[in-house]
C-alpha atoms as a PDB file:
ATOM      1  CA  MET A   1     -12.152  12.241 -69.329  1.00  0.00           C
ATOM      2  CA  ASN A   2     -13.336   8.620 -69.336  1.00  0.00           C
ATOM      3  CA  TYR A   3     -10.292   7.670 -67.180  1.00  0.00           C
ATOM      4  CA  LEU A   4     -11.200  10.409 -64.673  1.00  0.00           C
ATOM      5  CA  ARG A   5     -14.782   9.206 -64.500  1.00  0.00           C
ATOM      6  CA  LEU A   6     -13.632   5.645 -63.879  1.00  0.00           C
ATOM      7  CA  SER A   7     -11.240   6.808 -61.174  1.00  0.00           C
ATOM      8  CA  VAL A   8     -13.941   8.762 -59.365  1.00  0.00           C
ATOM      9  CA  ALA A   9     -16.332   5.843 -59.618  1.00  0.00           C
ATOM     10  CA  GLY A  10     -13.677   3.499 -58.351  1.00  0.00           C
ATOM     11  CA  LEU A  11     -12.942   5.699 -55.351  1.00  0.00           C
ATOM     12  CA  LEU A  12     -16.619   5.945 -54.499  1.00  0.00           C
ATOM     13  CA  ALA A  13     -16.997   2.187 -54.697  1.00  0.00           C
ATOM     14  CA  LEU A  14     -13.941   1.697 -52.522  1.00  0.00           C
ATOM     15  CA  ALA A  15     -15.270   4.191 -49.952  1.00  0.00           C
ATOM     16  CA  LEU A  16     -18.641   2.454 -49.826  1.00  0.00           C
ATOM     17  CA  THR A  17     -16.957  -0.916 -49.430  1.00  0.00           C
ATOM     18  CA  LEU A  18     -14.732   0.281 -46.612  1.00  0.00           C
ATOM     19  CA  ASN A  19     -17.663   1.967 -44.892  1.00  0.00           C
ATOM     20  CA  GLY A  20     -19.664  -1.234 -45.062  1.00  0.00           C
ATOM     21  CA  GLN A  21     -16.773  -3.170 -43.625  1.00  0.00           C
ATOM     22  CA  ALA A  22     -16.383  -0.642 -40.805  1.00  0.00           C
ATOM     23  CA  GLU A  23     -20.027  -1.077 -39.857  1.00  0.00           C
ATOM     24  CA  HIS A  24     -19.502  -4.811 -39.525  1.00  0.00           C
ATOM     25  CA  LEU A  25     -16.190  -4.776 -37.668  1.00  0.00           C
ATOM     26  CA  PRO A  26     -16.480  -6.772 -34.441  1.00  0.00           C
ATOM     27  CA  LYS A  27     -16.852  -4.730 -31.274  1.00  0.00           C
ATOM     28  CA  PRO A  28     -13.997  -4.919 -28.771  1.00  0.00           C
ATOM     29  CA  LYS A  29     -14.542  -7.931 -26.531  1.00  0.00           C
ATOM     30  CA  LYS A  30     -15.111  -7.487 -22.834  1.00  0.00           C
ATOM     31  CA  GLY A  31     -12.773  -9.319 -20.509  1.00  0.00           C
ATOM     32  CA  LYS A  32     -13.739 -12.726 -19.219  1.00  0.00           C
ATOM     33  CA  TRP A  33     -15.368 -12.974 -15.818  1.00  0.00           C
ATOM     34  CA  GLU A  34     -12.791 -13.712 -13.124  1.00  0.00           C
ATOM     35  CA  SER A  35     -13.703 -14.972  -9.669  1.00  0.00           C
ATOM     36  CA  LEU A  36     -12.219 -12.908  -6.829  1.00  0.00           C
ATOM     37  CA  PHE A  37     -13.212 -15.423  -4.171  1.00  0.00           C
ATOM     38  CA  ASP A  38     -13.409 -19.212  -4.452  1.00  0.00           C
ATOM     39  CA  GLY A  39     -15.593 -19.647  -1.371  1.00  0.00           C
ATOM     40  CA  LYS A  40     -12.811 -21.466   0.445  1.00  0.00           C
ATOM     41  CA  ASP A  41      -9.980 -19.081   1.366  1.00  0.00           C
ATOM     42  CA  LEU A  42      -8.787 -15.473   1.066  1.00  0.00           C
ATOM     43  CA  LYS A  43      -6.180 -16.058  -1.614  1.00  0.00           C
ATOM     44  CA  GLY A  44      -5.872 -12.919  -3.757  1.00  0.00           C
ATOM     45  CA  TRP A  45      -6.696 -10.584  -0.854  1.00  0.00           C
ATOM     46  CA  HIS A  46      -4.706  -8.829   1.863  1.00  0.00           C
ATOM     47  CA  ILE A  47      -5.250  -6.256   4.580  1.00  0.00           C
ATOM     48  CA  TYR A  48      -4.675  -2.689   3.403  1.00  0.00           C
ATOM     49  CA  LEU A  49      -0.990  -1.689   3.797  1.00  0.00           C
ATOM     50  CA  LYS A  50      -0.129  -5.244   4.899  1.00  0.00           C
ATOM     51  CA  SER A  51       0.588  -6.973   1.606  1.00  0.00           C
ATOM     52  CA  GLY A  52       2.470 -10.225   2.109  1.00  0.00           C
ATOM     53  CA  GLU A  53       1.299 -10.637   5.697  1.00  0.00           C
ATOM     54  CA  PRO A  54      -1.281 -13.152   6.952  1.00  0.00           C
ATOM     55  CA  VAL A  55      -4.854 -11.853   6.840  1.00  0.00           C
ATOM     56  CA  SER A  56      -6.312 -11.119  10.293  1.00  0.00           C
ATOM     57  CA  ASP A  57      -8.358 -14.010  11.640  1.00  0.00           C
ATOM     58  CA  LYS A  58     -11.162 -11.510  12.169  1.00  0.00           C
ATOM     59  CA  TRP A  59     -11.787 -11.903   8.430  1.00  0.00           C
ATOM     60  CA  THR A  60     -12.919 -15.510   7.952  1.00  0.00           C
ATOM     61  CA  VAL A  61     -14.570 -17.739   5.372  1.00  0.00           C
ATOM     62  CA  ASP A  62     -17.978 -18.812   6.622  1.00  0.00           C
ATOM     63  CA  ASP A  63     -20.320 -21.050   4.610  1.00  0.00           C
ATOM     64  CA  GLY A  64     -18.923 -19.889   1.253  1.00  0.00           C
ATOM     65  CA  ALA A  65     -18.793 -16.198   2.180  1.00  0.00           C
ATOM     66  CA  ILE A  66     -16.123 -13.769   3.329  1.00  0.00           C
ATOM     67  CA  HIS A  67     -17.172 -12.820   6.842  1.00  0.00           C
ATOM     68  CA  LEU A  68     -15.901 -10.002   9.025  1.00  0.00           C
ATOM     69  CA  LYS A  69     -16.755 -11.459  12.410  1.00  0.00           C
ATOM     70  CA  GLN A  70     -15.162  -8.705  14.487  1.00  0.00           C
ATOM     71  CA  GLY A  71     -14.002  -5.143  13.850  1.00  0.00           C
ATOM     72  CA  GLY A  72     -10.410  -4.008  14.087  1.00  0.00           C
ATOM     73  CA  ALA A  73      -9.053  -6.205  11.302  1.00  0.00           C
ATOM     74  CA  GLY A  74      -8.557  -3.478   8.704  1.00  0.00           C
ATOM     75  CA  ASP A  75     -10.058  -3.287   5.221  1.00  0.00           C
ATOM     76  CA  LEU A  76      -9.620  -6.303   2.959  1.00  0.00           C
ATOM     77  CA  VAL A  77      -8.278  -5.362  -0.495  1.00  0.00           C
ATOM     78  CA  THR A  78      -7.589  -7.232  -3.722  1.00  0.00           C
ATOM     79  CA  ASP A  79      -3.966  -8.016  -4.493  1.00  0.00           C
ATOM     80  CA  LYS A  80      -4.608  -6.880  -8.060  1.00  0.00           C
ATOM     81  CA  GLU A  81      -5.482  -3.353  -9.218  1.00  0.00           C
ATOM     82  CA  TYR A  82      -8.270  -2.550 -11.666  1.00  0.00           C
ATOM     83  CA  GLY A  83      -9.107   0.393 -13.912  1.00  0.00           C
ATOM     84  CA  ASP A  84     -12.267  -0.011 -16.003  1.00  0.00           C
ATOM     85  CA  PHE A  85     -14.268  -3.014 -14.849  1.00  0.00           C
ATOM     86  CA  GLU A  86     -17.627  -4.571 -14.040  1.00  0.00           C
ATOM     87  CA  LEU A  87     -17.902  -6.003 -10.538  1.00  0.00           C
ATOM     88  CA  GLU A  88     -20.671  -8.197  -9.158  1.00  0.00           C
ATOM     89  CA  LEU A  89     -21.058  -9.509  -5.626  1.00  0.00           C
ATOM     90  CA  GLU A  90     -23.579 -10.223  -2.903  1.00  0.00           C
ATOM     91  CA  TRP A  91     -23.446  -8.686   0.559  1.00  0.00           C
ATOM     92  CA  LYS A  92     -25.287  -9.144   3.829  1.00  0.00           C
ATOM     93  CA  ILE A  93     -25.023  -6.798   6.798  1.00  0.00           C
ATOM     94  CA  ALA A  94     -25.732  -7.497  10.468  1.00  0.00           C
ATOM     95  CA  GLU A  95     -28.399  -5.503  12.317  1.00  0.00           C
ATOM     96  CA  GLY A  96     -27.199  -1.948  12.881  1.00  0.00           C
ATOM     97  CA  GLY A  97     -24.189  -2.605  10.652  1.00  0.00           C
ATOM     98  CA  ASN A  98     -22.129  -0.456   8.310  1.00  0.00           C
ATOM     99  CA  SER A  99     -19.577  -1.390   5.627  1.00  0.00           C
ATOM    100  CA  GLY A 100     -18.737  -0.511   2.050  1.00  0.00           C
ATOM    101  CA  ILE A 101     -17.300  -1.515  -1.317  1.00  0.00           C
ATOM    102  CA  ILE A 102     -14.492   0.863  -2.235  1.00  0.00           C
ATOM    103  CA  TYR A 103     -12.732   1.053  -5.601  1.00  0.00           C
ATOM    104  CA  HIS A 104      -9.639   2.645  -7.196  1.00  0.00           C
ATOM    105  CA  VAL A 105      -7.909   2.457  -3.828  1.00  0.00           C
ATOM    106  CA  HIS A 106      -4.344   3.744  -3.985  1.00  0.00           C
ATOM    107  CA  GLU A 107      -2.276   1.740  -1.533  1.00  0.00           C
ATOM    108  CA  ASP A 108       0.367   4.031  -0.090  1.00  0.00           C
ATOM    109  CA  PRO A 109       1.457   4.671   3.525  1.00  0.00           C
ATOM    110  CA  GLN A 110       0.665   8.375   3.123  1.00  0.00           C
ATOM    111  CA  PHE A 111      -3.006   7.329   3.031  1.00  0.00           C
ATOM    112  CA  LYS A 112      -3.937   5.535   6.244  1.00  0.00           C
ATOM    113  CA  ALA A 113      -7.288   4.213   5.028  1.00  0.00           C
ATOM    114  CA  THR A 114      -8.816   2.961   1.784  1.00  0.00           C
ATOM    115  CA  TYR A 115     -11.546   5.613   1.822  1.00  0.00           C
ATOM    116  CA  GLN A 116      -8.973   8.399   1.660  1.00  0.00           C
ATOM    117  CA  THR A 117      -8.514   7.678  -2.049  1.00  0.00           C
ATOM    118  CA  GLY A 118     -11.340   5.384  -3.160  1.00  0.00           C
ATOM    119  CA  PRO A 119     -15.024   6.248  -3.681  1.00  0.00           C
ATOM    120  CA  GLU A 120     -17.452   3.964  -1.853  1.00  0.00           C
ATOM    121  CA  MET A 121     -20.640   2.123  -2.654  1.00  0.00           C
ATOM    122  CA  GLN A 122     -22.385   2.110   0.710  1.00  0.00           C
ATOM    123  CA  VAL A 123     -23.312  -1.100   2.549  1.00  0.00           C
ATOM    124  CA  LEU A 124     -25.680  -0.373   5.436  1.00  0.00           C
ATOM    125  CA  ASP A 125     -28.602  -1.424   7.581  1.00  0.00           C
ATOM    126  CA  ASN A 126     -30.794   1.507   6.598  1.00  0.00           C
ATOM    127  CA  GLU A 127     -33.354   0.837   9.310  1.00  0.00           C
ATOM    128  CA  ARG A 128     -31.014   0.879  12.297  1.00  0.00           C
ATOM    129  CA  HIS A 129     -27.715   2.566  11.493  1.00  0.00           C
ATOM    130  CA  PRO A 130     -27.704   6.362  12.088  1.00  0.00           C
ATOM    131  CA  ASP A 131     -25.717   7.008   8.897  1.00  0.00           C
ATOM    132  CA  ALA A 132     -28.909   6.428   6.903  1.00  0.00           C
ATOM    133  CA  LYS A 133     -30.300   9.719   8.231  1.00  0.00           C
ATOM    134  CA  GLN A 134     -27.032  11.664   8.057  1.00  0.00           C
ATOM    135  CA  GLY A 135     -25.415  13.277   5.033  1.00  0.00           C
ATOM    136  CA  ARG A 136     -27.849  14.812   2.541  1.00  0.00           C
ATOM    137  CA  ASP A 137     -31.008  13.367   0.994  1.00  0.00           C
ATOM    138  CA  GLY A 138     -30.037   9.779   1.719  1.00  0.00           C
ATOM    139  CA  ASN A 139     -26.570   9.927   0.199  1.00  0.00           C
ATOM    140  CA  ARG A 140     -25.280   7.625   2.950  1.00  0.00           C
ATOM    141  CA  THR A 141     -27.884   4.888   2.533  1.00  0.00           C
ATOM    142  CA  ALA A 142     -27.211   1.437   1.095  1.00  0.00           C
ATOM    143  CA  GLY A 143     -26.319   1.518  -2.594  1.00  0.00           C
ATOM    144  CA  ALA A 144     -25.462   5.228  -2.596  1.00  0.00           C
ATOM    145  CA  LEU A 145     -22.181   6.741  -3.714  1.00  0.00           C
ATOM    146  CA  TYR A 146     -21.273   7.448  -0.108  1.00  0.00           C
ATOM    147  CA  ASP A 147     -21.747  11.102   0.904  1.00  0.00           C
ATOM    148  CA  LEU A 148     -21.572  12.224  -2.730  1.00  0.00           C
ATOM    149  CA  GLN A 149     -24.810  11.275  -4.472  1.00  0.00           C
ATOM    150  CA  LYS A 150     -28.211  10.182  -3.205  1.00  0.00           C
ATOM    151  CA  PRO A 151     -29.580   6.951  -4.699  1.00  0.00           C
ATOM    152  CA  VAL A 152     -31.233   7.316  -8.094  1.00  0.00           C
ATOM    153  CA  THR A 153     -33.614   4.615  -6.886  1.00  0.00           C
ATOM    154  CA  PRO A 154     -34.136   4.812  -3.106  1.00  0.00           C
ATOM    155  CA  ASN A 155     -34.942   1.876  -0.838  1.00  0.00           C
ATOM    156  CA  ALA A 156     -33.366  -0.729  -3.130  1.00  0.00           C
ATOM    157  CA  ALA A 157     -31.723  -2.552  -0.215  1.00  0.00           C
ATOM    158  CA  LYS A 158     -33.125  -5.606   1.535  1.00  0.00           C
ATOM    159  CA  PRO A 159     -33.320  -5.684   5.357  1.00  0.00           C
ATOM    160  CA  ALA A 160     -30.348  -6.568   7.545  1.00  0.00           C
ATOM    161  CA  GLY A 161     -29.603 -10.280   7.506  1.00  0.00           C
ATOM    162  CA  GLU A 162     -30.724 -10.741   3.884  1.00  0.00           C
ATOM    163  CA  TRP A 163     -28.479 -11.004   0.822  1.00  0.00           C
ATOM    164  CA  ASN A 164     -28.245  -8.056  -1.562  1.00  0.00           C
ATOM    165  CA  LYS A 165     -26.793  -8.241  -5.069  1.00  0.00           C
ATOM    166  CA  ALA A 166     -24.532  -5.316  -5.969  1.00  0.00           C
ATOM    167  CA  ARG A 167     -23.136  -4.381  -9.370  1.00  0.00           C
ATOM    168  CA  LEU A 168     -20.564  -1.683 -10.082  1.00  0.00           C
ATOM    169  CA  ILE A 169     -19.470  -0.590 -13.570  1.00  0.00           C
ATOM    170  CA  ILE A 170     -16.539   1.762 -14.176  1.00  0.00           C
ATOM    171  CA  ARG A 171     -15.952   2.573 -17.837  1.00  0.00           C
ATOM    172  CA  ASN A 172     -14.526   5.487 -19.820  1.00  0.00           C
ATOM    173  CA  GLY A 173     -14.674   7.968 -16.946  1.00  0.00           C
ATOM    174  CA  LYS A 174     -18.223   7.085 -15.913  1.00  0.00           C
ATOM    175  CA  ALA A 175     -19.671   4.892 -13.175  1.00  0.00           C
ATOM    176  CA  GLU A 176     -22.956   3.080 -12.584  1.00  0.00           C
ATOM    177  CA  GLN A 177     -24.059   1.368  -9.385  1.00  0.00           C
ATOM    178  CA  TYR A 178     -26.881  -1.158  -9.035  1.00  0.00           C
ATOM    179  CA  LEU A 179     -28.442  -2.854  -6.042  1.00  0.00           C
ATOM    180  CA  ASN A 180     -30.816  -5.787  -6.462  1.00  0.00           C
ATOM    181  CA  GLY A 181     -31.226  -4.950 -10.135  1.00  0.00           C
ATOM    182  CA  LYS A 182     -32.075  -1.288  -9.558  1.00  0.00           C
ATOM    183  CA  LYS A 183     -29.788   1.566 -10.543  1.00  0.00           C
ATOM    184  CA  THR A 184     -28.766   3.518  -7.455  1.00  0.00           C
ATOM    185  CA  ALA A 185     -26.065   5.829  -8.814  1.00  0.00           C
ATOM    186  CA  GLU A 186     -24.693   7.200 -12.077  1.00  0.00           C
ATOM    187  CA  TYR A 187     -21.880   9.741 -12.217  1.00  0.00           C
ATOM    188  CA  PRO A 188     -18.630  10.811 -13.918  1.00  0.00           C
ATOM    189  CA  THR A 189     -15.478   9.775 -12.088  1.00  0.00           C
ATOM    190  CA  SER A 190     -13.656  13.002 -12.970  1.00  0.00           C
ATOM    191  CA  GLY A 191     -14.299  16.467 -14.384  1.00  0.00           C
ATOM    192  CA  PRO A 192     -16.395  19.463 -13.273  1.00  0.00           C
ATOM    193  CA  GLU A 193     -19.462  17.494 -12.118  1.00  0.00           C
ATOM    194  CA  TRP A 194     -17.319  15.136 -10.042  1.00  0.00           C
ATOM    195  CA  ASP A 195     -15.335  18.039  -8.571  1.00  0.00           C
ATOM    196  CA  LYS A 196     -18.577  19.777  -7.589  1.00  0.00           C
ATOM    197  CA  MET A 197     -19.880  16.667  -5.810  1.00  0.00           C
ATOM    198  CA  VAL A 198     -16.610  16.308  -3.903  1.00  0.00           C
ATOM    199  CA  SER A 199     -16.578  20.005  -2.950  1.00  0.00           C
ATOM    200  CA  GLU A 200     -20.017  19.593  -1.341  1.00  0.00           C
ATOM    201  CA  SER A 201     -19.101  16.447   0.588  1.00  0.00           C
ATOM    202  CA  LYS A 202     -17.021  15.422   3.611  1.00  0.00           C
ATOM    203  CA  PHE A 203     -14.188  14.692   1.176  1.00  0.00           C
ATOM    204  CA  LYS A 204     -13.665  18.334   0.279  1.00  0.00           C
ATOM    205  CA  GLY A 205      -9.952  19.126   0.392  1.00  0.00           C
ATOM    206  CA  TRP A 206      -8.886  15.495   0.813  1.00  0.00           C
ATOM    207  CA  GLU A 207      -5.658  15.051  -1.106  1.00  0.00           C
ATOM    208  CA  GLY A 208      -5.866  12.015  -3.345  1.00  0.00           C
ATOM    209  CA  PHE A 209      -9.575  11.316  -3.008  1.00  0.00           C
ATOM    210  CA  GLY A 210     -11.012  10.137  -6.333  1.00  0.00           C
ATOM    211  CA  LYS A 211      -7.816  11.066  -8.147  1.00  0.00           C
ATOM    212  CA  TYR A 212      -6.770   7.595  -9.274  1.00  0.00           C
ATOM    213  CA  THR A 213      -8.060   5.798 -12.371  1.00  0.00           C
ATOM    214  CA  THR A 214      -6.767   2.397 -11.265  1.00  0.00           C
ATOM    215  CA  GLY A 215      -6.491   0.794  -7.861  1.00  0.00           C
ATOM    216  CA  HIS A 216      -7.515  -1.980  -5.513  1.00  0.00           C
ATOM    217  CA  ILE A 217     -11.064  -2.982  -4.596  1.00  0.00           C
ATOM    218  CA  ALA A 218     -11.716  -2.946  -0.849  1.00  0.00           C
ATOM    219  CA  LEU A 219     -14.256  -4.543   1.477  1.00  0.00           C
ATOM    220  CA  GLN A 220     -14.573  -2.230   4.434  1.00  0.00           C
ATOM    221  CA  ASP A 221     -14.059  -3.062   8.090  1.00  0.00           C
ATOM    222  CA  HIS A 222     -16.337  -0.515   9.746  1.00  0.00           C
ATOM    223  CA  GLY A 223     -16.417  -2.479  12.982  1.00  0.00           C
ATOM    224  CA  ASN A 224     -19.598  -4.412  12.217  1.00  0.00           C
ATOM    225  CA  LYS A 225     -20.298  -7.945  11.056  1.00  0.00           C
ATOM    226  CA  VAL A 226     -20.684  -8.193   7.290  1.00  0.00           C
ATOM    227  CA  TRP A 227     -20.609 -10.973   4.672  1.00  0.00           C
ATOM    228  CA  PHE A 228     -19.616 -10.988   0.987  1.00  0.00           C
ATOM    229  CA  ARG A 229     -19.948 -13.820  -1.528  1.00  0.00           C
ATOM    230  CA  ASN A 230     -20.122 -14.645  -5.263  1.00  0.00           C
ATOM    231  CA  ILE A 231     -17.526 -11.968  -6.008  1.00  0.00           C
ATOM    232  CA  ARG A 232     -16.512 -11.736  -9.646  1.00  0.00           C
ATOM    233  CA  ILE A 233     -15.064  -9.106 -11.970  1.00  0.00           C
ATOM    234  CA  ARG A 234     -14.294  -8.531 -15.611  1.00  0.00           C
ATOM    235  CA  GLU A 235     -12.049  -5.851 -16.982  1.00  0.00           C
ATOM    236  CA  LEU A 236     -13.544  -3.568 -19.637  1.00  0.00           C
END
């Protein structure tokens, strides 16, 4: 009987010790921040579906920023693919301009454009571009999950010609978008809620849209002048 009591006591002590250790185990470390643009050249980027080819001279480096000076170049995409990540960058749009930050882009000739597979964080001149008043409830304004969800915080964007700081977090099937420190979108990247949003958008029935959990990050050529700088990412 005494041996049994000692055994039970020993097991309880061991369980408490292990539990205490579990509480103090270090949390998994986030990846280190990695620069996606050195402010000097477009190394690490290519035009969608043109990997290995020279980048169009319509995409240039101007005063430490990636600058689309003329439309018709094609979307600029990262050479590397990303799954869960935190992305930070600054963008500036010309008057009346439209662009976007697109993620989980699946690069395949069956998809002619980045937006056929990747969801988009909208970049827009809200005051002058007609897209701001299209869609539903502002779901095409700057900072929105384009055509899928209206901004959680409206009017977070600065006027055309001014720099905006964007932040995009994709982690464990969920996404958060921020513009100038304000949350503009929060949503699951798959499942019933996501499927419902897609079914009520222009992307309804698009094969491949939002189906990929890894992919390239794209800076959109929508035909208008746009600038991007201080681009960095860390994998989660």
